[in-house]
């Protein structure tokens, strides 16, 4: 009786494992479409696959990370302006917001420039005469320090490409400081 019971348990285990194996393969064969008719690459809870939903989330994550870097650099530049220009604090909120918008636009441009450089392409930059005051140099160093900390791949570039990025940072500082003069006027 014990042997028959043992064989019965063994047969049930084998049947259970066989059916379980079939079920694992069945879900792969099912067609998975959402309501719009688009193919669903990944079900919730599945691991190990990379689907279109993941690409969208990854693109969104990269965008948010880039915007936070842009905002951080813009705030750093504006804090520098508050520290260096005593009259800057007395400006109206509208003028300070305008200056912050200029800082964000220039920071976004600089980060796009850095991504292009680290991507292997050397973008063309229009050269013009920059002021060589200590204030411009200090702001440029702040921008370069921030950029090299956020984009360490910039340090691996060729010297000529680093010089181009240095020029771009100089133009950034020049535009921001010119904007202060415009806002104060």
N, C-alpha and C. Protein backbone atom coordinates (compact mmCIF):
# COMPACT_ATOMS: atom_id res chain seq x y z
N UNK A 1 0.82 -1.18 0.00
CA UNK A 1 0.00 0.00 0.00
C UNK A 1 0.87 1.26 0.00
N UNK A 2 1.95 1.24 0.77
CA UNK A 2 2.84 2.39 0.81
C UNK A 2 3.50 2.62 -0.54
N UNK A 3 3.83 1.53 -1.24
CA UNK A 3 4.47 1.67 -2.55
C UNK A 3 3.47 2.25 -3.55
N UNK A 4 2.21 1.77 -3.53
CA UNK A 4 1.18 2.27 -4.45
C UNK A 4 0.91 3.75 -4.19
N UNK A 5 0.86 4.13 -2.93
CA UNK A 5 0.64 5.53 -2.58
C UNK A 5 1.81 6.38 -3.05
N UNK A 6 3.02 5.91 -2.89
CA UNK A 6 4.22 6.61 -3.34
C UNK A 6 4.22 6.78 -4.85
N UNK A 7 3.82 5.73 -5.59
CA UNK A 7 3.76 5.83 -7.04
C UNK A 7 2.68 6.81 -7.48
N UNK A 8 1.53 6.81 -6.78
CA UNK A 8 0.46 7.75 -7.09
C UNK A 8 0.93 9.19 -6.90
N UNK A 9 1.62 9.47 -5.82
CA UNK A 9 2.15 10.82 -5.55
C UNK A 9 3.17 11.19 -6.61
N UNK A 10 4.02 10.27 -7.01
CA UNK A 10 5.02 10.53 -8.04
C UNK A 10 4.36 10.85 -9.37
N UNK A 11 3.31 10.10 -9.75
CA UNK A 11 2.59 10.35 -11.00
C UNK A 11 1.92 11.72 -10.95
N UNK A 12 1.30 12.08 -9.82
CA UNK A 12 0.66 13.39 -9.70
C UNK A 12 1.67 14.53 -9.80
N UNK A 13 2.83 14.35 -9.23
CA UNK A 13 3.89 15.38 -9.31
C UNK A 13 4.35 15.53 -10.75
N UNK A 14 4.54 14.44 -11.46
CA UNK A 14 4.99 14.51 -12.85
C UNK A 14 3.93 15.18 -13.72
N UNK A 15 2.65 14.83 -13.52
CA UNK A 15 1.57 15.47 -14.29
C UNK A 15 1.48 16.96 -13.97
N UNK A 16 1.63 17.30 -12.72
CA UNK A 16 1.59 18.70 -12.32
C UNK A 16 2.71 19.51 -12.96
N UNK A 17 3.92 18.96 -12.95
CA UNK A 17 5.06 19.66 -13.55
C UNK A 17 4.88 19.79 -15.06
N UNK A 18 4.35 18.75 -15.69
CA UNK A 18 4.13 18.77 -17.14
C UNK A 18 3.09 19.84 -17.50
N UNK A 19 2.00 19.91 -16.76
CA UNK A 19 0.97 20.92 -17.03
C UNK A 19 1.50 22.33 -16.75
N UNK A 20 2.30 22.47 -15.71
CA UNK A 20 2.88 23.76 -15.38
C UNK A 20 3.79 24.26 -16.51
N UNK A 21 4.56 23.33 -17.08
CA UNK A 21 5.45 23.68 -18.17
C UNK A 21 4.65 24.14 -19.39
N UNK A 22 3.52 23.47 -19.68
CA UNK A 22 2.67 23.86 -20.80
C UNK A 22 2.09 25.26 -20.57
N UNK A 23 1.66 25.55 -19.35
CA UNK A 23 1.08 26.85 -19.04
C UNK A 23 2.10 27.97 -19.22
N UNK A 24 3.35 27.70 -18.89
CA UNK A 24 4.39 28.72 -19.04
C UNK A 24 4.59 29.09 -20.51
N UNK A 25 4.43 28.12 -21.39
CA UNK A 25 4.62 28.39 -22.81
C UNK A 25 3.38 29.00 -23.45
N UNK A 26 2.21 28.76 -22.90
CA UNK A 26 0.97 29.24 -23.50
C UNK A 26 0.88 30.77 -23.51
N UNK A 27 1.32 31.44 -22.46
CA UNK A 27 1.17 32.88 -22.42
C UNK A 27 2.04 33.56 -23.46
N UNK A 28 3.13 32.92 -23.86
CA UNK A 28 3.99 33.49 -24.88
C UNK A 28 3.28 33.47 -26.24
N UNK A 29 2.48 32.44 -26.47
CA UNK A 29 1.79 32.28 -27.75
C UNK A 29 0.59 33.20 -27.88
N UNK A 30 0.05 33.65 -26.77
CA UNK A 30 -1.12 34.51 -26.82
C UNK A 30 -0.78 35.83 -27.52
N UNK A 31 -1.73 36.34 -28.27
CA UNK A 31 -1.54 37.65 -28.87
C UNK A 31 -1.93 38.69 -27.84
N UNK A 32 -1.07 39.67 -27.66
CA UNK A 32 -1.31 40.67 -26.63
C UNK A 32 -1.45 42.04 -27.27
N UNK A 33 -2.67 42.51 -27.33
CA UNK A 33 -2.95 43.82 -27.88
C UNK A 33 -3.72 44.64 -26.86
N UNK A 34 -3.49 45.95 -26.88
CA UNK A 34 -4.28 46.80 -26.00
C UNK A 34 -5.54 47.25 -26.74
N UNK A 35 -6.32 48.14 -26.13
CA UNK A 35 -7.60 48.55 -26.69
C UNK A 35 -7.46 49.25 -28.05
N UNK A 36 -6.34 49.93 -28.26
CA UNK A 36 -6.16 50.65 -29.53
C UNK A 36 -5.67 49.74 -30.64
N UNK A 37 -5.34 48.51 -30.32
CA UNK A 37 -4.86 47.57 -31.32
C UNK A 37 -3.35 47.49 -31.40
N UNK A 38 -2.65 48.26 -30.56
CA UNK A 38 -1.19 48.23 -30.57
C UNK A 38 -0.69 47.02 -29.79
N UNK A 39 0.39 46.45 -30.26
CA UNK A 39 0.99 45.29 -29.63
C UNK A 39 1.56 45.68 -28.28
N UNK A 40 1.29 44.90 -27.26
CA UNK A 40 1.83 45.16 -25.93
C UNK A 40 3.07 44.30 -25.77
N UNK A 41 4.19 44.95 -25.56
CA UNK A 41 5.45 44.23 -25.44
C UNK A 41 5.63 43.59 -24.07
N UNK A 42 5.04 44.17 -23.08
CA UNK A 42 5.35 43.73 -21.74
C UNK A 42 4.10 43.80 -20.87
N UNK A 43 3.84 42.76 -20.15
CA UNK A 43 2.74 42.76 -19.20
C UNK A 43 3.26 43.24 -17.85
N UNK A 44 2.35 43.72 -17.04
CA UNK A 44 2.79 44.15 -15.72
C UNK A 44 3.26 42.93 -14.95
N UNK A 45 4.35 43.07 -14.29
CA UNK A 45 4.90 41.97 -13.50
C UNK A 45 5.90 41.13 -14.27
N UNK A 46 5.97 41.28 -15.59
CA UNK A 46 6.96 40.50 -16.34
C UNK A 46 8.32 41.13 -16.15
N UNK A 47 9.31 40.30 -16.08
CA UNK A 47 10.67 40.79 -15.93
C UNK A 47 11.52 40.24 -17.05
N UNK A 48 12.55 40.96 -17.37
CA UNK A 48 13.51 40.47 -18.33
C UNK A 48 13.23 40.85 -19.77
N UNK A 49 12.15 41.55 -20.04
CA UNK A 49 11.89 42.01 -21.39
C UNK A 49 11.94 43.52 -21.40
N UNK A 50 12.23 44.07 -22.54
CA UNK A 50 12.32 45.51 -22.69
C UNK A 50 11.34 45.92 -23.76
N UNK A 51 10.30 46.59 -23.39
CA UNK A 51 9.24 46.91 -24.32
C UNK A 51 9.14 48.39 -24.62
N UNK A 52 8.16 48.74 -25.43
CA UNK A 52 7.99 50.12 -25.85
C UNK A 52 7.59 51.01 -24.68
N UNK A 53 6.89 50.46 -23.70
CA UNK A 53 6.54 51.25 -22.52
C UNK A 53 7.81 51.65 -21.75
N UNK A 54 8.78 50.76 -21.72
CA UNK A 54 10.04 51.06 -21.05
C UNK A 54 10.80 52.16 -21.77
N UNK A 55 10.75 52.15 -23.11
CA UNK A 55 11.44 53.18 -23.88
C UNK A 55 10.86 54.56 -23.58
N UNK A 56 9.53 54.63 -23.50
CA UNK A 56 8.89 55.91 -23.20
C UNK A 56 9.25 56.38 -21.80
N UNK A 57 9.24 55.46 -20.85
CA UNK A 57 9.58 55.83 -19.47
C UNK A 57 11.04 56.24 -19.37
N UNK A 58 11.92 55.57 -20.10
CA UNK A 58 13.34 55.91 -20.07
C UNK A 58 13.58 57.28 -20.71
N UNK A 59 12.90 57.57 -21.81
CA UNK A 59 13.02 58.88 -22.45
C UNK A 59 12.50 59.97 -21.52
N UNK A 60 11.41 59.70 -20.83
CA UNK A 60 10.85 60.66 -19.87
C UNK A 60 11.82 60.87 -18.71
N UNK A 61 12.44 59.81 -18.24
CA UNK A 61 13.40 59.92 -17.14
C UNK A 61 14.61 60.76 -17.56
N UNK A 62 15.11 60.53 -18.78
CA UNK A 62 16.25 61.32 -19.27
C UNK A 62 15.88 62.81 -19.40
N UNK A 63 14.67 63.08 -19.89
CA UNK A 63 14.22 64.46 -20.04
C UNK A 63 14.14 65.16 -18.68
N UNK A 64 13.57 64.48 -17.69
CA UNK A 64 13.44 65.05 -16.35
C UNK A 64 14.81 65.29 -15.74
N UNK A 65 15.73 64.34 -15.92
CA UNK A 65 17.08 64.50 -15.38
C UNK A 65 17.79 65.69 -16.03
N UNK A 66 17.60 65.84 -17.34
CA UNK A 66 18.23 66.97 -18.03
C UNK A 66 17.65 68.29 -17.55
N UNK A 67 16.33 68.35 -17.38
CA UNK A 67 15.71 69.58 -16.93
C UNK A 67 16.14 69.95 -15.51
N UNK A 68 16.36 68.94 -14.67
CA UNK A 68 16.82 69.25 -13.31
C UNK A 68 18.25 69.79 -13.34
N UNK A 69 19.10 69.26 -14.24
CA UNK A 69 20.45 69.80 -14.38
C UNK A 69 20.42 71.24 -14.88
N UNK A 70 19.55 71.48 -15.85
CA UNK A 70 19.42 72.84 -16.40
C UNK A 70 18.98 73.80 -15.31
N UNK A 71 17.96 73.42 -14.54
CA UNK A 71 17.47 74.28 -13.46
C UNK A 71 18.53 74.51 -12.39
N UNK A 72 19.28 73.46 -12.07
CA UNK A 72 20.33 73.58 -11.05
C UNK A 72 21.41 74.56 -11.50
N UNK A 73 21.84 74.45 -12.76
CA UNK A 73 22.86 75.38 -13.27
C UNK A 73 22.31 76.80 -13.32
N UNK A 74 21.07 76.96 -13.76
CA UNK A 74 20.47 78.30 -13.83
C UNK A 74 20.39 78.93 -12.45
N UNK A 75 20.02 78.14 -11.45
CA UNK A 75 19.96 78.68 -10.08
C UNK A 75 21.35 79.03 -9.56
N UNK A 76 22.34 78.21 -9.90
CA UNK A 76 23.71 78.51 -9.47
C UNK A 76 24.20 79.82 -10.09
N UNK A 77 23.91 80.00 -11.37
CA UNK A 77 24.32 81.23 -12.06
C UNK A 77 23.59 82.43 -11.46
N UNK A 78 22.29 82.26 -11.18
CA UNK A 78 21.54 83.38 -10.61
C UNK A 78 22.02 83.69 -9.19
N UNK A 79 22.38 82.66 -8.42
CA UNK A 79 22.94 82.91 -7.08
C UNK A 79 24.24 83.67 -7.18
N UNK A 80 25.05 83.35 -8.18
CA UNK A 80 26.29 84.08 -8.42
C UNK A 80 25.98 85.55 -8.72
N UNK A 81 24.97 85.77 -9.54
CA UNK A 81 24.60 87.15 -9.89
C UNK A 81 24.10 87.92 -8.67
N UNK A 82 23.32 87.26 -7.82
CA UNK A 82 22.87 87.91 -6.59
C UNK A 82 24.05 88.29 -5.70
N UNK A 83 25.06 87.41 -5.65
CA UNK A 83 26.22 87.67 -4.79
C UNK A 83 27.11 88.78 -5.35
N UNK A 84 27.23 88.87 -6.68
CA UNK A 84 28.17 89.80 -7.28
C UNK A 84 27.57 91.18 -7.57
N UNK A 85 26.26 91.23 -7.75
CA UNK A 85 25.59 92.50 -8.05
C UNK A 85 24.67 92.87 -6.89
N UNK A 86 25.04 93.80 -6.05
CA UNK A 86 24.19 94.17 -4.91
C UNK A 86 22.85 94.76 -5.35
N UNK A 87 22.82 95.45 -6.48
CA UNK A 87 21.57 96.05 -6.97
C UNK A 87 20.61 95.01 -7.53
N UNK A 88 21.10 93.83 -7.81
CA UNK A 88 20.28 92.78 -8.43
C UNK A 88 19.14 92.36 -7.51
N UNK A 89 19.37 92.40 -6.22
CA UNK A 89 18.34 91.98 -5.26
C UNK A 89 17.17 92.95 -5.21
N UNK A 90 17.41 94.18 -5.60
CA UNK A 90 16.34 95.18 -5.53
C UNK A 90 15.49 95.23 -6.79
N UNK A 91 15.78 94.39 -7.77
CA UNK A 91 14.99 94.37 -9.00
C UNK A 91 13.61 93.77 -8.74
N UNK A 92 12.69 94.05 -9.62
CA UNK A 92 11.33 93.52 -9.49
C UNK A 92 11.33 92.02 -9.76
N UNK A 93 10.29 91.36 -9.29
CA UNK A 93 10.18 89.91 -9.48
C UNK A 93 10.12 89.57 -10.97
N UNK A 94 9.47 90.41 -11.74
CA UNK A 94 9.34 90.16 -13.17
C UNK A 94 10.72 90.16 -13.85
N UNK A 95 11.57 91.10 -13.48
CA UNK A 95 12.91 91.19 -14.07
C UNK A 95 13.78 90.01 -13.63
N UNK A 96 13.64 89.59 -12.39
CA UNK A 96 14.41 88.44 -11.90
C UNK A 96 13.95 87.17 -12.60
N UNK A 97 12.65 87.03 -12.82
CA UNK A 97 12.13 85.86 -13.55
C UNK A 97 12.62 85.86 -14.99
N UNK A 98 12.67 87.04 -15.59
CA UNK A 98 13.18 87.15 -16.97
C UNK A 98 14.64 86.71 -17.02
N UNK A 99 15.41 87.14 -16.04
CA UNK A 99 16.81 86.76 -16.00
C UNK A 99 16.96 85.25 -15.79
N UNK A 100 16.14 84.67 -14.92
CA UNK A 100 16.19 83.22 -14.70
C UNK A 100 15.82 82.46 -15.98
N UNK A 101 14.85 82.98 -16.74
CA UNK A 101 14.47 82.34 -18.01
C UNK A 101 15.63 82.36 -18.99
N UNK A 102 16.36 83.47 -19.03
CA UNK A 102 17.54 83.56 -19.90
C UNK A 102 18.60 82.56 -19.44
N UNK A 103 18.80 82.46 -18.13
CA UNK A 103 19.78 81.51 -17.59
C UNK A 103 19.40 80.07 -17.96
N UNK A 104 18.11 79.73 -17.85
CA UNK A 104 17.67 78.37 -18.19
C UNK A 104 17.83 78.10 -19.68
N UNK A 105 17.51 79.07 -20.51
CA UNK A 105 17.64 78.88 -21.96
C UNK A 105 19.10 78.66 -22.33
N UNK A 106 19.99 79.46 -21.75
CA UNK A 106 21.42 79.31 -22.04
C UNK A 106 21.97 78.00 -21.47
N UNK A 107 21.51 77.60 -20.29
CA UNK A 107 21.97 76.33 -19.71
C UNK A 107 21.51 75.15 -20.56
N UNK A 108 20.28 75.22 -21.06
CA UNK A 108 19.76 74.17 -21.93
C UNK A 108 20.59 74.09 -23.21
N UNK A 109 20.90 75.23 -23.78
CA UNK A 109 21.74 75.28 -24.98
C UNK A 109 23.11 74.67 -24.70
N UNK A 110 23.70 75.02 -23.57
CA UNK A 110 25.03 74.50 -23.24
C UNK A 110 25.00 72.98 -23.03
N UNK A 111 23.96 72.46 -22.38
CA UNK A 111 23.89 71.02 -22.17
C UNK A 111 23.64 70.27 -23.48
N UNK A 112 22.86 70.86 -24.37
CA UNK A 112 22.69 70.25 -25.70
C UNK A 112 24.02 70.24 -26.44
N UNK A 113 24.76 71.31 -26.30
CA UNK A 113 26.09 71.42 -26.90
C UNK A 113 27.01 70.34 -26.33
N UNK A 114 26.98 70.15 -25.01
CA UNK A 114 27.82 69.14 -24.36
C UNK A 114 27.43 67.72 -24.80
N UNK A 115 26.13 67.46 -24.91
CA UNK A 115 25.68 66.14 -25.36
C UNK A 115 26.11 65.88 -26.80
N UNK A 116 26.09 66.91 -27.64
CA UNK A 116 26.54 66.75 -29.02
C UNK A 116 28.03 66.45 -29.05
N UNK A 117 28.80 67.16 -28.25
CA UNK A 117 30.25 66.92 -28.19
C UNK A 117 30.57 65.51 -27.69
N UNK A 118 29.92 65.10 -26.62
CA UNK A 118 30.20 63.77 -26.07
C UNK A 118 29.65 62.67 -26.97
N UNK A 119 28.72 63.02 -27.86
CA UNK A 119 28.18 62.06 -28.81
C UNK A 119 29.09 61.83 -30.00
N UNK A 120 30.19 62.56 -30.09
CA UNK A 120 31.15 62.35 -31.16
C UNK A 120 31.13 63.39 -32.26
N UNK A 121 30.20 64.34 -32.21
CA UNK A 121 30.12 65.38 -33.23
C UNK A 121 30.65 66.69 -32.66
N UNK A 122 31.25 67.48 -33.53
CA UNK A 122 31.75 68.79 -33.11
C UNK A 122 30.87 69.85 -33.77
N UNK A 123 29.96 70.45 -33.00
CA UNK A 123 29.09 71.47 -33.59
C UNK A 123 29.85 72.76 -33.86
N UNK A 124 29.35 73.49 -34.82
CA UNK A 124 29.96 74.79 -35.16
C UNK A 124 29.46 75.84 -34.18
N UNK A 125 30.35 76.67 -33.72
CA UNK A 125 29.96 77.74 -32.81
C UNK A 125 30.49 79.06 -33.38
N UNK A 126 29.62 80.03 -33.40
CA UNK A 126 29.99 81.33 -33.93
C UNK A 126 30.83 82.08 -32.89
N UNK A 127 31.99 82.49 -33.29
CA UNK A 127 32.89 83.19 -32.36
C UNK A 127 32.66 84.70 -32.45
N UNK A 128 32.69 85.33 -31.30
CA UNK A 128 32.66 86.79 -31.25
C UNK A 128 33.47 87.21 -30.03
N UNK A 129 33.80 88.49 -29.99
CA UNK A 129 34.67 89.00 -28.92
C UNK A 129 33.92 88.97 -27.58
N UNK A 130 34.56 88.36 -26.60
CA UNK A 130 33.99 88.27 -25.25
C UNK A 130 34.73 89.22 -24.33
N UNK A 131 34.03 89.73 -23.32
CA UNK A 131 34.69 90.54 -22.30
C UNK A 131 35.62 89.65 -21.49
N UNK A 132 36.73 90.23 -21.08
CA UNK A 132 37.72 89.45 -20.33
C UNK A 132 37.87 90.02 -18.92
N UNK A 133 36.75 90.31 -18.28
CA UNK A 133 36.80 90.84 -16.92
C UNK A 133 36.89 89.69 -15.92
N UNK A 134 37.35 89.98 -14.70
CA UNK A 134 37.41 88.93 -13.68
C UNK A 134 36.04 88.33 -13.37
N UNK A 135 34.99 89.14 -13.46
CA UNK A 135 33.64 88.65 -13.20
C UNK A 135 33.22 87.62 -14.26
N UNK A 136 33.54 87.92 -15.53
CA UNK A 136 33.23 86.97 -16.61
C UNK A 136 34.02 85.67 -16.42
N UNK A 137 35.29 85.80 -16.06
CA UNK A 137 36.11 84.60 -15.87
C UNK A 137 35.62 83.75 -14.70
N UNK A 138 35.20 84.39 -13.63
CA UNK A 138 34.72 83.66 -12.45
C UNK A 138 33.43 82.91 -12.78
N UNK A 139 32.51 83.58 -13.49
CA UNK A 139 31.26 82.91 -13.87
C UNK A 139 31.53 81.78 -14.85
N UNK A 140 32.44 82.00 -15.77
CA UNK A 140 32.80 80.95 -16.73
C UNK A 140 33.37 79.73 -16.01
N UNK A 141 34.21 79.97 -15.01
CA UNK A 141 34.77 78.85 -14.23
C UNK A 141 33.68 78.10 -13.47
N UNK A 142 32.71 78.82 -12.95
CA UNK A 142 31.59 78.19 -12.26
C UNK A 142 30.81 77.30 -13.22
N UNK A 143 30.55 77.80 -14.42
CA UNK A 143 29.81 77.04 -15.43
C UNK A 143 30.62 75.81 -15.87
N UNK A 144 31.91 75.98 -16.10
CA UNK A 144 32.74 74.85 -16.52
C UNK A 144 32.83 73.79 -15.43
N UNK A 145 32.99 74.23 -14.19
CA UNK A 145 33.06 73.27 -13.07
C UNK A 145 31.77 72.46 -12.98
N UNK A 146 30.65 73.14 -13.06
CA UNK A 146 29.35 72.46 -13.02
C UNK A 146 29.22 71.47 -14.17
N UNK A 147 29.59 71.91 -15.38
CA UNK A 147 29.46 71.06 -16.57
C UNK A 147 30.36 69.84 -16.50
N UNK A 148 31.59 70.02 -16.07
CA UNK A 148 32.51 68.88 -16.01
C UNK A 148 32.10 67.89 -14.92
N UNK A 149 31.46 68.39 -13.86
CA UNK A 149 30.95 67.47 -12.83
C UNK A 149 29.74 66.69 -13.33
N UNK A 150 28.90 67.30 -14.14
CA UNK A 150 27.69 66.63 -14.63
C UNK A 150 27.96 65.80 -15.88
N UNK A 151 28.95 66.19 -16.66
CA UNK A 151 29.32 65.47 -17.88
C UNK A 151 30.80 65.09 -17.83
N UNK A 152 31.15 64.06 -17.08
CA UNK A 152 32.57 63.70 -16.97
C UNK A 152 33.18 63.25 -18.30
N UNK A 153 32.35 62.87 -19.26
CA UNK A 153 32.87 62.46 -20.57
C UNK A 153 33.51 63.64 -21.30
N UNK A 154 33.17 64.86 -20.91
CA UNK A 154 33.78 66.04 -21.54
C UNK A 154 35.29 66.06 -21.34
N UNK A 155 35.75 65.54 -20.23
CA UNK A 155 37.18 65.53 -19.94
C UNK A 155 37.95 64.54 -20.81
N UNK A 156 37.23 63.60 -21.42
CA UNK A 156 37.88 62.61 -22.29
C UNK A 156 38.00 63.07 -23.73
N UNK A 157 37.47 64.25 -24.05
CA UNK A 157 37.50 64.75 -25.42
C UNK A 157 38.88 65.26 -25.79
N UNK A 158 39.06 65.48 -27.08
CA UNK A 158 40.31 66.05 -27.57
C UNK A 158 40.42 67.51 -27.10
N UNK A 159 41.63 68.01 -27.07
CA UNK A 159 41.89 69.37 -26.59
C UNK A 159 41.11 70.40 -27.42
N UNK A 160 41.06 70.23 -28.72
CA UNK A 160 40.35 71.18 -29.58
C UNK A 160 38.86 71.22 -29.24
N UNK A 161 38.28 70.06 -28.94
CA UNK A 161 36.86 70.02 -28.59
C UNK A 161 36.63 70.66 -27.22
N UNK A 162 37.55 70.46 -26.29
CA UNK A 162 37.43 71.10 -24.98
C UNK A 162 37.54 72.62 -25.11
N UNK A 163 38.39 73.08 -26.02
CA UNK A 163 38.50 74.52 -26.26
C UNK A 163 37.19 75.08 -26.81
N UNK A 164 36.53 74.31 -27.68
CA UNK A 164 35.25 74.74 -28.23
C UNK A 164 34.21 74.82 -27.11
N UNK A 165 34.22 73.83 -26.22
CA UNK A 165 33.28 73.88 -25.10
C UNK A 165 33.59 75.04 -24.17
N UNK A 166 34.87 75.32 -23.98
CA UNK A 166 35.29 76.47 -23.17
C UNK A 166 34.75 77.76 -23.77
N UNK A 167 34.82 77.86 -25.09
CA UNK A 167 34.29 79.04 -25.79
C UNK A 167 32.77 79.14 -25.57
N UNK A 168 32.08 78.00 -25.64
CA UNK A 168 30.63 77.99 -25.42
C UNK A 168 30.29 78.44 -24.01
N UNK A 169 31.06 78.00 -23.02
CA UNK A 169 30.83 78.43 -21.64
C UNK A 169 31.10 79.92 -21.49
N UNK A 170 32.11 80.41 -22.18
CA UNK A 170 32.39 81.85 -22.16
C UNK A 170 31.26 82.67 -22.75
N UNK A 171 30.67 82.16 -23.83
CA UNK A 171 29.53 82.85 -24.43
C UNK A 171 28.32 82.82 -23.51
N UNK A 172 28.14 81.70 -22.81
CA UNK A 172 27.05 81.59 -21.83
C UNK A 172 27.21 82.67 -20.76
N UNK A 173 28.42 82.78 -20.18
CA UNK A 173 28.63 83.77 -19.12
C UNK A 173 28.46 85.19 -19.66
N UNK A 174 28.92 85.42 -20.88
CA UNK A 174 28.80 86.75 -21.47
C UNK A 174 27.32 87.13 -21.67
N UNK A 175 26.51 86.19 -22.17
CA UNK A 175 25.09 86.48 -22.40
C UNK A 175 24.36 86.73 -21.09
N UNK A 176 24.70 85.96 -20.06
CA UNK A 176 24.03 86.14 -18.76
C UNK A 176 24.38 87.49 -18.16
N UNK A 177 25.65 87.87 -18.21
CA UNK A 177 26.05 89.14 -17.63
C UNK A 177 25.54 90.33 -18.46
N UNK A 178 25.46 90.17 -19.76
CA UNK A 178 24.85 91.24 -20.59
C UNK A 178 23.36 91.39 -20.26
N UNK A 179 22.69 90.25 -19.99
CA UNK A 179 21.28 90.30 -19.64
C UNK A 179 21.07 91.07 -18.33
N UNK A 180 22.01 90.94 -17.40
CA UNK A 180 21.90 91.70 -16.14
C UNK A 180 21.94 93.19 -16.42
N UNK A 181 22.84 93.59 -17.30
CA UNK A 181 22.95 95.02 -17.64
C UNK A 181 21.66 95.50 -18.32
N UNK A 182 21.07 94.64 -19.15
CA UNK A 182 19.81 94.99 -19.80
C UNK A 182 18.68 95.09 -18.80
N UNK A 183 18.62 94.15 -17.88
CA UNK A 183 17.55 94.13 -16.88
C UNK A 183 17.67 95.32 -15.92
N UNK A 184 18.89 95.65 -15.54
CA UNK A 184 19.09 96.75 -14.60
C UNK A 184 18.76 98.11 -15.23
N UNK A 185 18.90 98.19 -16.55
CA UNK A 185 18.67 99.48 -17.22
C UNK A 185 17.21 99.86 -17.30
